[in-house]
Amino acid sequence: MYTFQYVPAITDAFPGIRAGVMFGRGMANRPTPLALQERYFAEQQAVLAQIGDTPLSELESLSAWRGAFRQFGVNPTKYRSAIEALLRRLTKKGDIPSINALVDIGNLVSIRYQVPVAVFDADRTNGSITVQFATGEERFTPLFEKAFEHPEPGEVIFIDGNGLVAARRWCWRQSDQSAARADTQSVIVVTEGHHPGAQEDVQQAIAAFQALAAEFLGGEMVFG
C-alpha cells in the first residue's frame, strides 16, 4: 500500500498547489537504452529552442516555485527548485547527463512540462510520503553521503514512512535513501506546480511518465 499526502497546514498555506501522483511496481530499471537516450537528448534540444533567450525567472511555473520558496523562508536563487536547477543546467551547459532510465524519464518529462518530477524508491521509503513543515528535529541524508543533517525549522519537507526526510526545501533535493537507483523496482512519482496552469501540466506530465515507463521499464503503474 503506497501513500502520498499533504498535511492540512501545507494546503492551508499553499492552496494553489496541484499534484500528480503515480505508484509503480515490478519495474526493471536499467542503464538508459539508446532509444530512450535519443529521445531524451532530442527533448533537451527542443526545450532549449522553446526557451530561447527568455530568462528562467520569467517562466510561469518557475516563478511560482520561487514565490513558494520565499513563502516558507528560503532564498530561491540560493536553493533552486528541482525544475529550475534542471533548466539552468540545460541552458548553461547545453545538456543534462543521462543517469539511469527512471531518472532520465523523470527529467525528460520535467523539462517538457516545466514542473518538478520526483521519483522516490518506494521500497526504501516504506511506500509512504507526507509533505509537511519541518520541526528541525528530522533527519536528512544527502545523496551519496552517510552522515545526516537536520532541515531548518519551517521549511517544507517530504518525510517518508521510516520517519526520514525524503526531500528538503520541498523540491530542492532528495535524500540518499529515496533516490531511484539501478535496482529500483517500485516507485512513488510526484509532480507538482503552483502556477495557474499547474493542474493541466501535472496531469500531462504524469501521463507522459506512465507512457515512457511502460515502453522502457515494464511493470505496473497506477495513478494515485
N, C-alpha and C. Protein backbone atom coordinates (compact mmCIF):
# COMPACT_ATOMS: atom_id res chain seq x y z
N MET A 1 0.84 -1.19 0.00
CA MET A 1 0.00 0.00 0.00
C MET A 1 0.89 1.25 0.00
N TYR A 2 0.88 2.02 -1.08
CA TYR A 2 1.68 3.22 -1.18
C TYR A 2 0.78 4.44 -0.92
N THR A 3 1.34 5.47 -0.27
CA THR A 3 0.55 6.66 0.02
C THR A 3 1.37 7.93 -0.22
N PHE A 4 0.66 9.00 -0.59
CA PHE A 4 1.24 10.33 -0.70
C PHE A 4 0.19 11.30 -0.18
N GLN A 5 0.60 12.24 0.69
CA GLN A 5 -0.37 13.16 1.25
C GLN A 5 0.28 14.47 1.69
N TYR A 6 -0.54 15.54 1.71
CA TYR A 6 -0.15 16.81 2.31
C TYR A 6 -0.84 16.92 3.65
N VAL A 7 -0.14 17.43 4.65
CA VAL A 7 -0.82 17.73 5.91
C VAL A 7 -1.65 19.00 5.68
N PRO A 8 -2.73 19.19 6.44
CA PRO A 8 -3.59 20.36 6.23
C PRO A 8 -2.86 21.69 6.30
N ALA A 9 -1.82 21.79 7.13
CA ALA A 9 -1.08 23.05 7.24
C ALA A 9 -0.45 23.45 5.92
N ILE A 10 -0.06 22.48 5.11
CA ILE A 10 0.54 22.78 3.80
C ILE A 10 -0.53 23.28 2.83
N THR A 11 -1.64 22.58 2.73
CA THR A 11 -2.68 23.00 1.79
C THR A 11 -3.34 24.31 2.23
N ASP A 12 -3.35 24.58 3.53
CA ASP A 12 -3.87 25.86 4.01
C ASP A 12 -2.93 27.00 3.60
N ALA A 13 -1.62 26.76 3.72
CA ALA A 13 -0.65 27.80 3.40
C ALA A 13 -0.44 27.96 1.89
N PHE A 14 -0.62 26.87 1.15
CA PHE A 14 -0.40 26.89 -0.30
C PHE A 14 -1.63 26.31 -1.01
N PRO A 15 -2.74 27.03 -0.99
CA PRO A 15 -3.99 26.48 -1.55
C PRO A 15 -3.92 26.25 -3.05
N GLY A 16 -2.96 26.85 -3.74
CA GLY A 16 -2.86 26.67 -5.18
C GLY A 16 -2.03 25.48 -5.60
N ILE A 17 -1.47 24.72 -4.66
CA ILE A 17 -0.63 23.58 -5.04
C ILE A 17 -1.47 22.52 -5.75
N ARG A 18 -0.93 22.00 -6.85
CA ARG A 18 -1.56 20.93 -7.60
C ARG A 18 -0.53 19.83 -7.80
N ALA A 19 -0.95 18.59 -7.65
CA ALA A 19 -0.02 17.47 -7.73
C ALA A 19 -0.55 16.37 -8.62
N GLY A 20 0.38 15.69 -9.29
CA GLY A 20 0.08 14.46 -9.98
C GLY A 20 0.90 13.36 -9.32
N VAL A 21 0.28 12.26 -8.97
CA VAL A 21 0.96 11.19 -8.22
C VAL A 21 0.68 9.86 -8.88
N MET A 22 1.71 9.03 -8.94
CA MET A 22 1.56 7.70 -9.52
C MET A 22 2.44 6.72 -8.74
N PHE A 23 1.95 5.50 -8.63
CA PHE A 23 2.69 4.45 -7.93
C PHE A 23 3.02 3.34 -8.93
N GLY A 24 4.25 2.87 -8.90
CA GLY A 24 4.67 1.82 -9.83
C GLY A 24 5.37 0.68 -9.12
N ARG A 25 5.23 -0.52 -9.66
CA ARG A 25 5.92 -1.68 -9.10
C ARG A 25 6.24 -2.66 -10.23
N GLY A 26 7.19 -3.54 -9.95
CA GLY A 26 7.59 -4.54 -10.94
C GLY A 26 8.34 -3.95 -12.11
N MET A 27 8.97 -2.81 -11.91
CA MET A 27 9.69 -2.15 -12.99
C MET A 27 11.12 -2.70 -13.08
N ALA A 28 11.69 -2.62 -14.26
CA ALA A 28 13.05 -3.11 -14.48
C ALA A 28 13.94 -1.93 -14.83
N ASN A 29 14.34 -1.17 -13.81
CA ASN A 29 15.23 -0.05 -14.08
C ASN A 29 16.57 -0.54 -14.59
N ARG A 30 17.24 0.26 -15.37
CA ARG A 30 18.48 -0.16 -16.02
C ARG A 30 19.19 1.06 -16.58
N PRO A 31 20.43 0.87 -17.06
CA PRO A 31 21.05 1.97 -17.79
C PRO A 31 20.16 2.38 -18.96
N THR A 32 20.13 3.65 -19.24
CA THR A 32 19.21 4.16 -20.26
C THR A 32 19.52 3.56 -21.63
N PRO A 33 18.54 2.88 -22.25
CA PRO A 33 18.77 2.32 -23.59
C PRO A 33 18.92 3.42 -24.63
N LEU A 34 19.54 3.07 -25.74
CA LEU A 34 19.86 4.05 -26.77
C LEU A 34 18.61 4.79 -27.26
N ALA A 35 17.52 4.06 -27.47
CA ALA A 35 16.31 4.71 -27.99
C ALA A 35 15.80 5.77 -27.04
N LEU A 36 15.87 5.51 -25.74
CA LEU A 36 15.44 6.50 -24.75
C LEU A 36 16.44 7.65 -24.68
N GLN A 37 17.72 7.34 -24.76
CA GLN A 37 18.73 8.40 -24.77
C GLN A 37 18.49 9.38 -25.91
N GLU A 38 18.22 8.84 -27.10
CA GLU A 38 18.00 9.70 -28.26
C GLU A 38 16.78 10.60 -28.05
N ARG A 39 15.72 10.04 -27.47
CA ARG A 39 14.53 10.82 -27.22
C ARG A 39 14.78 11.89 -26.14
N TYR A 40 15.55 11.50 -25.15
CA TYR A 40 15.89 12.41 -24.05
C TYR A 40 16.69 13.62 -24.56
N PHE A 41 17.71 13.36 -25.34
CA PHE A 41 18.54 14.46 -25.83
C PHE A 41 17.81 15.29 -26.88
N ALA A 42 16.94 14.67 -27.65
CA ALA A 42 16.12 15.43 -28.59
C ALA A 42 15.18 16.37 -27.84
N GLU A 43 14.61 15.89 -26.74
CA GLU A 43 13.73 16.73 -25.91
C GLU A 43 14.51 17.91 -25.35
N GLN A 44 15.73 17.68 -24.93
CA GLN A 44 16.54 18.76 -24.40
C GLN A 44 16.75 19.86 -25.44
N GLN A 45 17.04 19.47 -26.67
CA GLN A 45 17.25 20.47 -27.72
C GLN A 45 15.96 21.21 -28.04
N ALA A 46 14.84 20.50 -28.01
CA ALA A 46 13.55 21.15 -28.27
C ALA A 46 13.23 22.17 -27.18
N VAL A 47 13.53 21.82 -25.95
CA VAL A 47 13.26 22.74 -24.83
C VAL A 47 14.18 23.95 -24.91
N LEU A 48 15.43 23.74 -25.27
CA LEU A 48 16.35 24.86 -25.44
C LEU A 48 15.82 25.84 -26.50
N ALA A 49 15.34 25.30 -27.60
CA ALA A 49 14.80 26.15 -28.66
C ALA A 49 13.55 26.88 -28.19
N GLN A 50 12.72 26.20 -27.41
CA GLN A 50 11.48 26.81 -26.92
C GLN A 50 11.77 27.96 -25.95
N ILE A 51 12.73 27.77 -25.07
CA ILE A 51 13.06 28.81 -24.09
C ILE A 51 13.75 29.99 -24.76
N GLY A 52 14.65 29.69 -25.68
CA GLY A 52 15.36 30.76 -26.38
C GLY A 52 16.10 31.66 -25.41
N ASP A 53 15.87 32.96 -25.53
CA ASP A 53 16.55 33.94 -24.68
C ASP A 53 15.72 34.34 -23.46
N THR A 54 14.61 33.67 -23.24
CA THR A 54 13.74 34.02 -22.10
C THR A 54 14.45 33.72 -20.78
N PRO A 55 14.58 34.67 -19.88
CA PRO A 55 15.18 34.36 -18.57
C PRO A 55 14.34 33.32 -17.83
N LEU A 56 14.99 32.39 -17.16
CA LEU A 56 14.26 31.34 -16.45
C LEU A 56 13.32 31.92 -15.41
N SER A 57 13.70 33.03 -14.81
CA SER A 57 12.86 33.65 -13.78
C SER A 57 11.52 34.13 -14.33
N GLU A 58 11.42 34.26 -15.67
CA GLU A 58 10.17 34.71 -16.28
C GLU A 58 9.26 33.56 -16.72
N LEU A 59 9.73 32.33 -16.61
CA LEU A 59 8.87 31.20 -16.93
C LEU A 59 7.84 31.05 -15.80
N GLU A 60 6.58 30.92 -16.17
CA GLU A 60 5.49 30.98 -15.20
C GLU A 60 5.63 29.97 -14.07
N SER A 61 5.91 28.72 -14.40
CA SER A 61 5.98 27.69 -13.36
C SER A 61 7.17 27.90 -12.44
N LEU A 62 8.31 28.35 -13.00
CA LEU A 62 9.50 28.58 -12.17
C LEU A 62 9.31 29.78 -11.27
N SER A 63 8.68 30.82 -11.80
CA SER A 63 8.40 32.00 -10.99
C SER A 63 7.50 31.65 -9.81
N ALA A 64 6.52 30.77 -10.05
CA ALA A 64 5.61 30.35 -8.97
C ALA A 64 6.35 29.56 -7.90
N TRP A 65 7.29 28.72 -8.31
CA TRP A 65 8.08 27.97 -7.33
C TRP A 65 8.96 28.92 -6.52
N ARG A 66 9.50 29.94 -7.18
CA ARG A 66 10.29 30.91 -6.43
C ARG A 66 9.44 31.58 -5.36
N GLY A 67 8.21 31.91 -5.71
CA GLY A 67 7.31 32.51 -4.74
C GLY A 67 7.01 31.59 -3.57
N ALA A 68 6.83 30.31 -3.85
CA ALA A 68 6.56 29.34 -2.78
C ALA A 68 7.76 29.20 -1.86
N PHE A 69 8.96 29.16 -2.44
CA PHE A 69 10.17 29.05 -1.62
C PHE A 69 10.28 30.26 -0.69
N ARG A 70 10.06 31.46 -1.23
CA ARG A 70 10.13 32.65 -0.40
C ARG A 70 9.11 32.60 0.73
N GLN A 71 7.94 32.03 0.43
CA GLN A 71 6.87 32.00 1.43
C GLN A 71 7.27 31.17 2.64
N PHE A 72 8.04 30.08 2.44
CA PHE A 72 8.46 29.32 3.63
C PHE A 72 9.90 29.63 4.04
N GLY A 73 10.38 30.82 3.62
CA GLY A 73 11.62 31.35 4.18
C GLY A 73 12.91 30.93 3.52
N VAL A 74 12.86 30.50 2.26
CA VAL A 74 14.06 30.04 1.55
C VAL A 74 14.35 30.97 0.38
N ASN A 75 15.59 31.36 0.23
CA ASN A 75 16.02 32.18 -0.91
C ASN A 75 16.05 31.31 -2.16
N PRO A 76 15.19 31.55 -3.15
CA PRO A 76 15.10 30.65 -4.30
C PRO A 76 16.23 30.80 -5.30
N THR A 77 17.09 31.80 -5.14
CA THR A 77 18.26 31.88 -6.01
C THR A 77 19.46 31.20 -5.37
N LYS A 78 19.38 30.92 -4.08
CA LYS A 78 20.42 30.14 -3.40
C LYS A 78 20.07 28.66 -3.43
N TYR A 79 18.81 28.34 -3.19
CA TYR A 79 18.31 26.97 -3.25
C TYR A 79 17.24 26.93 -4.33
N ARG A 80 17.57 26.39 -5.49
CA ARG A 80 16.67 26.42 -6.64
C ARG A 80 15.77 25.18 -6.66
N SER A 81 14.54 25.39 -7.09
CA SER A 81 13.64 24.25 -7.25
C SER A 81 14.26 23.26 -8.23
N ALA A 82 13.84 22.00 -8.14
CA ALA A 82 14.43 20.96 -8.99
C ALA A 82 14.29 21.28 -10.46
N ILE A 83 13.15 21.81 -10.88
CA ILE A 83 12.96 22.11 -12.29
C ILE A 83 13.82 23.29 -12.72
N GLU A 84 13.96 24.29 -11.87
CA GLU A 84 14.84 25.41 -12.23
C GLU A 84 16.30 24.96 -12.32
N ALA A 85 16.71 24.08 -11.41
CA ALA A 85 18.08 23.57 -11.45
C ALA A 85 18.33 22.79 -12.75
N LEU A 86 17.35 21.99 -13.16
CA LEU A 86 17.49 21.23 -14.41
C LEU A 86 17.60 22.17 -15.61
N LEU A 87 16.68 23.12 -15.68
CA LEU A 87 16.70 24.03 -16.84
C LEU A 87 17.91 24.95 -16.81
N ARG A 88 18.38 25.29 -15.65
CA ARG A 88 19.60 26.10 -15.53
C ARG A 88 20.79 25.31 -16.06
N ARG A 89 20.87 24.04 -15.68
CA ARG A 89 21.94 23.18 -16.20
C ARG A 89 21.85 23.11 -17.73
N LEU A 90 20.66 22.91 -18.24
CA LEU A 90 20.46 22.77 -19.68
C LEU A 90 20.84 24.04 -20.42
N THR A 91 20.40 25.18 -19.93
CA THR A 91 20.67 26.43 -20.65
C THR A 91 22.11 26.89 -20.49
N LYS A 92 22.75 26.52 -19.39
CA LYS A 92 24.14 26.94 -19.18
C LYS A 92 25.14 25.97 -19.83
N LYS A 93 24.86 24.66 -19.73
CA LYS A 93 25.81 23.65 -20.20
C LYS A 93 25.43 23.06 -21.56
N GLY A 94 24.16 23.18 -21.94
CA GLY A 94 23.74 22.66 -23.23
C GLY A 94 23.16 21.27 -23.21
N ASP A 95 23.29 20.57 -22.06
CA ASP A 95 22.70 19.23 -21.95
C ASP A 95 22.56 18.83 -20.49
N ILE A 96 21.75 17.80 -20.26
CA ILE A 96 21.60 17.18 -18.94
C ILE A 96 22.07 15.75 -19.07
N PRO A 97 23.07 15.32 -18.32
CA PRO A 97 23.62 13.97 -18.50
C PRO A 97 22.61 12.87 -18.20
N SER A 98 22.81 11.74 -18.84
CA SER A 98 22.00 10.55 -18.57
C SER A 98 22.47 9.89 -17.28
N ILE A 99 21.51 9.42 -16.47
CA ILE A 99 21.85 8.75 -15.20
C ILE A 99 21.38 7.30 -15.23
N ASN A 100 20.10 7.08 -15.29
CA ASN A 100 19.54 5.74 -15.49
C ASN A 100 18.15 5.96 -16.08
N ALA A 101 17.51 4.89 -16.49
CA ALA A 101 16.25 5.03 -17.23
C ALA A 101 15.17 5.75 -16.43
N LEU A 102 15.01 5.39 -15.17
CA LEU A 102 13.98 6.03 -14.36
C LEU A 102 14.23 7.51 -14.18
N VAL A 103 15.45 7.86 -13.84
CA VAL A 103 15.79 9.26 -13.63
C VAL A 103 15.68 10.05 -14.93
N ASP A 104 16.15 9.46 -16.02
CA ASP A 104 16.08 10.16 -17.31
C ASP A 104 14.65 10.39 -17.76
N ILE A 105 13.78 9.42 -17.54
CA ILE A 105 12.37 9.61 -17.87
C ILE A 105 11.79 10.76 -17.05
N GLY A 106 12.10 10.76 -15.76
CA GLY A 106 11.62 11.85 -14.91
C GLY A 106 12.12 13.21 -15.37
N ASN A 107 13.40 13.29 -15.74
CA ASN A 107 13.96 14.56 -16.19
C ASN A 107 13.41 14.98 -17.54
N LEU A 108 13.21 14.03 -18.43
CA LEU A 108 12.63 14.32 -19.74
C LEU A 108 11.25 14.95 -19.58
N VAL A 109 10.43 14.32 -18.76
CA VAL A 109 9.07 14.82 -18.54
C VAL A 109 9.11 16.17 -17.82
N SER A 110 10.03 16.30 -16.88
CA SER A 110 10.12 17.53 -16.11
C SER A 110 10.42 18.74 -16.99
N ILE A 111 11.41 18.63 -17.88
CA ILE A 111 11.75 19.79 -18.72
C ILE A 111 10.69 20.04 -19.78
N ARG A 112 10.01 18.99 -20.22
CA ARG A 112 8.96 19.17 -21.24
C ARG A 112 7.81 20.02 -20.69
N TYR A 113 7.39 19.74 -19.46
CA TYR A 113 6.23 20.44 -18.89
C TYR A 113 6.62 21.50 -17.87
N GLN A 114 7.92 21.65 -17.63
CA GLN A 114 8.45 22.68 -16.73
C GLN A 114 7.87 22.57 -15.31
N VAL A 115 7.79 21.33 -14.83
CA VAL A 115 7.38 21.06 -13.45
C VAL A 115 8.37 20.06 -12.85
N PRO A 116 8.60 20.11 -11.54
CA PRO A 116 9.49 19.12 -10.93
C PRO A 116 8.84 17.73 -10.95
N VAL A 117 9.64 16.72 -11.23
CA VAL A 117 9.18 15.33 -11.18
C VAL A 117 10.12 14.58 -10.25
N ALA A 118 9.59 14.15 -9.11
CA ALA A 118 10.39 13.40 -8.14
C ALA A 118 10.06 11.92 -8.24
N VAL A 119 11.10 11.10 -8.31
CA VAL A 119 10.93 9.64 -8.38
C VAL A 119 11.53 9.05 -7.11
N PHE A 120 10.68 8.58 -6.21
CA PHE A 120 11.11 8.03 -4.94
C PHE A 120 11.10 6.50 -5.00
N ASP A 121 12.14 5.88 -4.48
CA ASP A 121 12.17 4.42 -4.37
C ASP A 121 11.19 4.02 -3.26
N ALA A 122 10.10 3.38 -3.64
CA ALA A 122 9.03 3.08 -2.68
C ALA A 122 9.46 2.06 -1.63
N ASP A 123 10.35 1.15 -1.99
CA ASP A 123 10.80 0.15 -1.02
C ASP A 123 11.68 0.78 0.06
N ARG A 124 12.51 1.73 -0.35
CA ARG A 124 13.42 2.36 0.61
C ARG A 124 12.75 3.48 1.41
N THR A 125 11.56 3.89 1.01
CA THR A 125 10.82 4.91 1.76
C THR A 125 9.59 4.32 2.44
N ASN A 126 9.52 3.01 2.51
CA ASN A 126 8.40 2.33 3.16
C ASN A 126 7.08 2.63 2.48
N GLY A 127 7.15 3.07 1.21
CA GLY A 127 5.93 3.27 0.42
C GLY A 127 5.07 4.42 0.85
N SER A 128 5.63 5.37 1.63
CA SER A 128 4.81 6.45 2.17
C SER A 128 5.55 7.76 2.11
N ILE A 129 4.88 8.82 1.61
CA ILE A 129 5.45 10.16 1.58
C ILE A 129 4.40 11.15 2.12
N THR A 130 4.81 11.98 3.07
CA THR A 130 3.96 13.04 3.61
C THR A 130 4.68 14.37 3.47
N VAL A 131 3.96 15.39 2.99
CA VAL A 131 4.53 16.73 2.84
C VAL A 131 4.09 17.57 4.04
N GLN A 132 5.07 18.14 4.75
CA GLN A 132 4.76 18.89 5.96
C GLN A 132 5.85 19.93 6.23
N PHE A 133 5.61 20.78 7.20
CA PHE A 133 6.63 21.72 7.64
C PHE A 133 7.58 21.00 8.61
N ALA A 134 8.86 21.31 8.51
CA ALA A 134 9.85 20.67 9.38
C ALA A 134 9.84 21.30 10.77
N THR A 135 10.11 20.48 11.77
CA THR A 135 10.34 20.99 13.12
C THR A 135 11.81 21.33 13.33
N GLY A 136 12.66 20.73 12.50
CA GLY A 136 14.11 20.89 12.65
C GLY A 136 14.76 19.73 13.35
N GLU A 137 13.95 18.80 13.84
CA GLU A 137 14.49 17.62 14.53
C GLU A 137 14.60 16.41 13.60
N GLU A 138 14.01 16.49 12.41
CA GLU A 138 14.03 15.36 11.48
C GLU A 138 15.45 15.14 10.93
N ARG A 139 15.66 13.98 10.31
CA ARG A 139 16.97 13.64 9.75
C ARG A 139 16.91 13.52 8.24
N PHE A 140 17.90 14.11 7.58
CA PHE A 140 18.02 14.06 6.12
C PHE A 140 19.44 13.67 5.77
N THR A 141 19.57 12.64 4.91
CA THR A 141 20.89 12.21 4.44
C THR A 141 21.07 12.63 3.00
N PRO A 142 21.98 13.56 2.70
CA PRO A 142 22.19 13.99 1.32
C PRO A 142 22.60 12.84 0.41
N LEU A 143 22.32 12.98 -0.87
CA LEU A 143 22.63 11.94 -1.85
C LEU A 143 24.12 11.60 -1.83
N PHE A 144 24.39 10.30 -1.80
CA PHE A 144 25.74 9.74 -1.83
C PHE A 144 26.53 10.01 -0.54
N GLU A 145 25.85 10.41 0.52
CA GLU A 145 26.52 10.64 1.79
C GLU A 145 25.96 9.70 2.85
N LYS A 146 26.70 9.59 3.97
CA LYS A 146 26.29 8.71 5.07
C LYS A 146 25.78 9.50 6.27
N ALA A 147 26.41 10.65 6.53
CA ALA A 147 26.03 11.45 7.69
C ALA A 147 24.74 12.21 7.41
N PHE A 148 23.89 12.31 8.43
CA PHE A 148 22.63 13.02 8.25
C PHE A 148 22.75 14.45 8.75
N GLU A 149 21.79 15.29 8.32
CA GLU A 149 21.68 16.67 8.75
C GLU A 149 20.23 16.93 9.11
N HIS A 150 19.99 18.05 9.75
CA HIS A 150 18.63 18.42 10.13
C HIS A 150 18.12 19.52 9.21
N PRO A 151 16.87 19.44 8.76
CA PRO A 151 16.30 20.56 8.00
C PRO A 151 16.10 21.77 8.90
N GLU A 152 15.92 22.93 8.26
CA GLU A 152 15.63 24.14 9.02
C GLU A 152 14.17 24.11 9.49
N PRO A 153 13.90 24.54 10.70
CA PRO A 153 12.51 24.60 11.16
C PRO A 153 11.67 25.47 10.22
N GLY A 154 10.51 24.96 9.82
CA GLY A 154 9.60 25.71 8.97
C GLY A 154 9.75 25.46 7.49
N GLU A 155 10.83 24.81 7.06
CA GLU A 155 10.94 24.53 5.63
C GLU A 155 10.00 23.37 5.29
N VAL A 156 9.58 23.31 4.04
CA VAL A 156 8.69 22.23 3.60
C VAL A 156 9.54 21.00 3.29
N ILE A 157 9.14 19.87 3.85
CA ILE A 157 9.87 18.62 3.64
C ILE A 157 8.92 17.52 3.20
N PHE A 158 9.48 16.52 2.55
CA PHE A 158 8.80 15.25 2.31
C PHE A 158 9.38 14.28 3.33
N ILE A 159 8.54 13.68 4.14
CA ILE A 159 9.02 12.72 5.12
C ILE A 159 8.47 11.35 4.78
N ASP A 160 9.30 10.32 4.88
CA ASP A 160 8.89 9.00 4.42
C ASP A 160 8.32 8.16 5.55
N GLY A 161 7.93 6.94 5.20
CA GLY A 161 7.30 6.05 6.16
C GLY A 161 8.24 5.55 7.24
N ASN A 162 9.54 5.81 7.08
CA ASN A 162 10.52 5.44 8.10
C ASN A 162 10.85 6.61 9.01
N GLY A 163 10.18 7.75 8.82
CA GLY A 163 10.44 8.91 9.65
C GLY A 163 11.65 9.71 9.21
N LEU A 164 12.18 9.45 8.01
CA LEU A 164 13.33 10.16 7.49
C LEU A 164 12.88 11.14 6.41
N VAL A 165 13.60 12.24 6.28
CA VAL A 165 13.27 13.24 5.27
C VAL A 165 13.68 12.71 3.90
N ALA A 166 12.70 12.62 2.99
CA ALA A 166 12.96 12.12 1.64
C ALA A 166 13.32 13.25 0.68
N ALA A 167 12.93 14.49 1.01
CA ALA A 167 13.28 15.65 0.20
C ALA A 167 13.26 16.90 1.07
N ARG A 168 14.25 17.77 0.87
CA ARG A 168 14.33 19.03 1.60
C ARG A 168 13.89 20.20 0.73
N ARG A 169 13.46 21.27 1.42
CA ARG A 169 13.06 22.51 0.75
C ARG A 169 12.11 22.20 -0.41
N TRP A 170 11.11 21.42 -0.09
CA TRP A 170 10.04 20.99 -0.99
C TRP A 170 10.60 20.17 -2.14
N CYS A 171 11.04 20.84 -3.20
CA CYS A 171 11.56 20.09 -4.36
C CYS A 171 12.99 20.51 -4.68
N TRP A 172 13.79 20.71 -3.64
CA TRP A 172 15.18 21.11 -3.85
C TRP A 172 16.08 19.87 -4.03
N ARG A 173 16.12 19.00 -3.03
CA ARG A 173 16.97 17.81 -3.11
C ARG A 173 16.29 16.61 -2.47
N GLN A 174 16.48 15.44 -3.10
CA GLN A 174 16.03 14.19 -2.49
C GLN A 174 17.13 13.60 -1.61
N SER A 175 16.73 12.69 -0.75
CA SER A 175 17.68 12.04 0.14
C SER A 175 18.37 10.87 -0.54
N ASP A 176 19.44 10.41 0.09
CA ASP A 176 20.16 9.25 -0.44
C ASP A 176 19.26 8.02 -0.43
N GLN A 177 18.46 7.86 0.63
CA GLN A 177 17.62 6.66 0.73
C GLN A 177 16.52 6.64 -0.33
N SER A 178 16.01 7.81 -0.68
CA SER A 178 14.81 7.84 -1.53
C SER A 178 15.12 7.82 -3.03
N ALA A 179 16.35 8.09 -3.42
CA ALA A 179 16.67 8.26 -4.84
C ALA A 179 16.54 6.95 -5.61
N ALA A 180 16.10 7.05 -6.86
CA ALA A 180 15.97 5.88 -7.73
C ALA A 180 17.35 5.39 -8.14
N ARG A 181 17.60 4.10 -7.93
CA ARG A 181 18.88 3.50 -8.27
C ARG A 181 18.70 2.47 -9.38
N ALA A 182 19.82 1.88 -9.79
CA ALA A 182 19.78 0.91 -10.88
C ALA A 182 18.90 -0.29 -10.55
N ASP A 183 18.75 -0.62 -9.25
CA ASP A 183 17.97 -1.79 -8.86
C ASP A 183 16.56 -1.43 -8.38
N THR A 184 16.15 -0.19 -8.54
CA THR A 184 14.81 0.23 -8.09
C THR A 184 13.73 -0.47 -8.91
N GLN A 185 12.75 -1.03 -8.23
CA GLN A 185 11.65 -1.73 -8.89
C GLN A 185 10.29 -1.12 -8.59
N SER A 186 10.18 -0.41 -7.46
CA SER A 186 8.91 0.19 -7.05
C SER A 186 9.12 1.66 -6.79
N VAL A 187 8.19 2.50 -7.25
CA VAL A 187 8.39 3.94 -7.15
C VAL A 187 7.12 4.68 -6.74
N ILE A 188 7.33 5.85 -6.14
CA ILE A 188 6.29 6.85 -5.98
C ILE A 188 6.75 8.04 -6.82
N VAL A 189 5.96 8.41 -7.80
CA VAL A 189 6.30 9.51 -8.70
C VAL A 189 5.39 10.70 -8.38
N VAL A 190 6.01 11.85 -8.14
CA VAL A 190 5.25 13.04 -7.75
C VAL A 190 5.67 14.21 -8.62
N THR A 191 4.71 14.88 -9.22
CA THR A 191 4.96 16.12 -9.94
C THR A 191 4.01 17.19 -9.42
N GLU A 192 4.51 18.42 -9.25
CA GLU A 192 3.73 19.46 -8.59
C GLU A 192 3.91 20.81 -9.28
N GLY A 193 2.96 21.70 -9.06
CA GLY A 193 3.07 23.06 -9.56
C GLY A 193 2.21 24.01 -8.76
N HIS A 194 2.62 25.28 -8.76
CA HIS A 194 1.88 26.33 -8.06
C HIS A 194 1.26 27.34 -9.03
N HIS A 195 1.63 27.30 -10.29
CA HIS A 195 1.20 28.31 -11.25
C HIS A 195 -0.25 28.07 -11.69
N PRO A 196 -0.89 29.03 -12.32
CA PRO A 196 -2.31 28.89 -12.68
C PRO A 196 -2.63 27.69 -13.57
N GLY A 197 -1.73 27.31 -14.46
CA GLY A 197 -1.98 26.16 -15.33
C GLY A 197 -1.45 24.86 -14.80
N ALA A 198 -1.15 24.80 -13.49
CA ALA A 198 -0.49 23.62 -12.93
C ALA A 198 -1.31 22.34 -13.05
N GLN A 199 -2.61 22.43 -12.87
CA GLN A 199 -3.43 21.22 -12.91
C GLN A 199 -3.25 20.46 -14.21
N GLU A 200 -3.34 21.17 -15.33
CA GLU A 200 -3.18 20.52 -16.63
C GLU A 200 -1.75 20.03 -16.83
N ASP A 201 -0.78 20.83 -16.42
CA ASP A 201 0.62 20.46 -16.63
C ASP A 201 1.00 19.21 -15.85
N VAL A 202 0.58 19.13 -14.59
CA VAL A 202 0.97 17.96 -13.80
C VAL A 202 0.25 16.70 -14.30
N GLN A 203 -0.98 16.84 -14.77
CA GLN A 203 -1.70 15.68 -15.31
C GLN A 203 -1.03 15.18 -16.59
N GLN A 204 -0.63 16.10 -17.45
CA GLN A 204 0.05 15.70 -18.67
C GLN A 204 1.41 15.09 -18.35
N ALA A 205 2.10 15.65 -17.38
CA ALA A 205 3.41 15.13 -17.02
C ALA A 205 3.33 13.71 -16.47
N ILE A 206 2.37 13.45 -15.61
CA ILE A 206 2.28 12.13 -15.01
C ILE A 206 1.85 11.10 -16.05
N ALA A 207 1.00 11.50 -17.00
CA ALA A 207 0.59 10.60 -18.07
C ALA A 207 1.77 10.29 -19.00
N ALA A 208 2.59 11.30 -19.26
CA ALA A 208 3.77 11.10 -20.11
C ALA A 208 4.78 10.18 -19.42
N PHE A 209 4.93 10.34 -18.12
CA PHE A 209 5.83 9.45 -17.37
C PHE A 209 5.33 8.01 -17.46
N GLN A 210 4.04 7.81 -17.27
CA GLN A 210 3.47 6.47 -17.34
C GLN A 210 3.72 5.83 -18.70
N ALA A 211 3.53 6.59 -19.77
CA ALA A 211 3.70 6.05 -21.12
C ALA A 211 5.16 5.66 -21.37
N LEU A 212 6.10 6.50 -20.96
CA LEU A 212 7.51 6.19 -21.18
C LEU A 212 7.96 5.02 -20.31
N ALA A 213 7.48 4.97 -19.06
CA ALA A 213 7.84 3.87 -18.18
C ALA A 213 7.32 2.54 -18.73
N ALA A 214 6.09 2.54 -19.26
CA ALA A 214 5.53 1.32 -19.83
C ALA A 214 6.34 0.86 -21.04
N GLU A 215 6.81 1.80 -21.83
CA GLU A 215 7.57 1.47 -23.03
C GLU A 215 8.96 0.93 -22.72
N PHE A 216 9.61 1.51 -21.71
CA PHE A 216 11.02 1.19 -21.49
C PHE A 216 11.31 0.39 -20.22
N LEU A 217 10.36 0.34 -19.26
CA LEU A 217 10.66 -0.29 -17.98
C LEU A 217 9.71 -1.43 -17.62
N GLY A 218 8.56 -1.48 -18.24
CA GLY A 218 7.58 -2.52 -17.90
C GLY A 218 6.98 -2.27 -16.53
N GLY A 219 6.44 -3.31 -15.95
CA GLY A 219 5.81 -3.20 -14.63
C GLY A 219 4.41 -2.62 -14.73
N GLU A 220 3.90 -2.25 -13.58
CA GLU A 220 2.52 -1.72 -13.47
C GLU A 220 2.56 -0.37 -12.79
N MET A 221 1.90 0.61 -13.37
CA MET A 221 1.83 1.94 -12.75
C MET A 221 0.36 2.35 -12.64
N VAL A 222 0.00 2.89 -11.50
CA VAL A 222 -1.37 3.32 -11.27
C VAL A 222 -1.36 4.75 -10.74
N PHE A 223 -2.40 5.51 -11.10
CA PHE A 223 -2.50 6.90 -10.63
C PHE A 223 -2.94 6.92 -9.19
N GLY A 224 -2.35 7.86 -8.44
CA GLY A 224 -2.70 7.99 -7.03
C GLY A 224 -3.91 8.88 -6.83
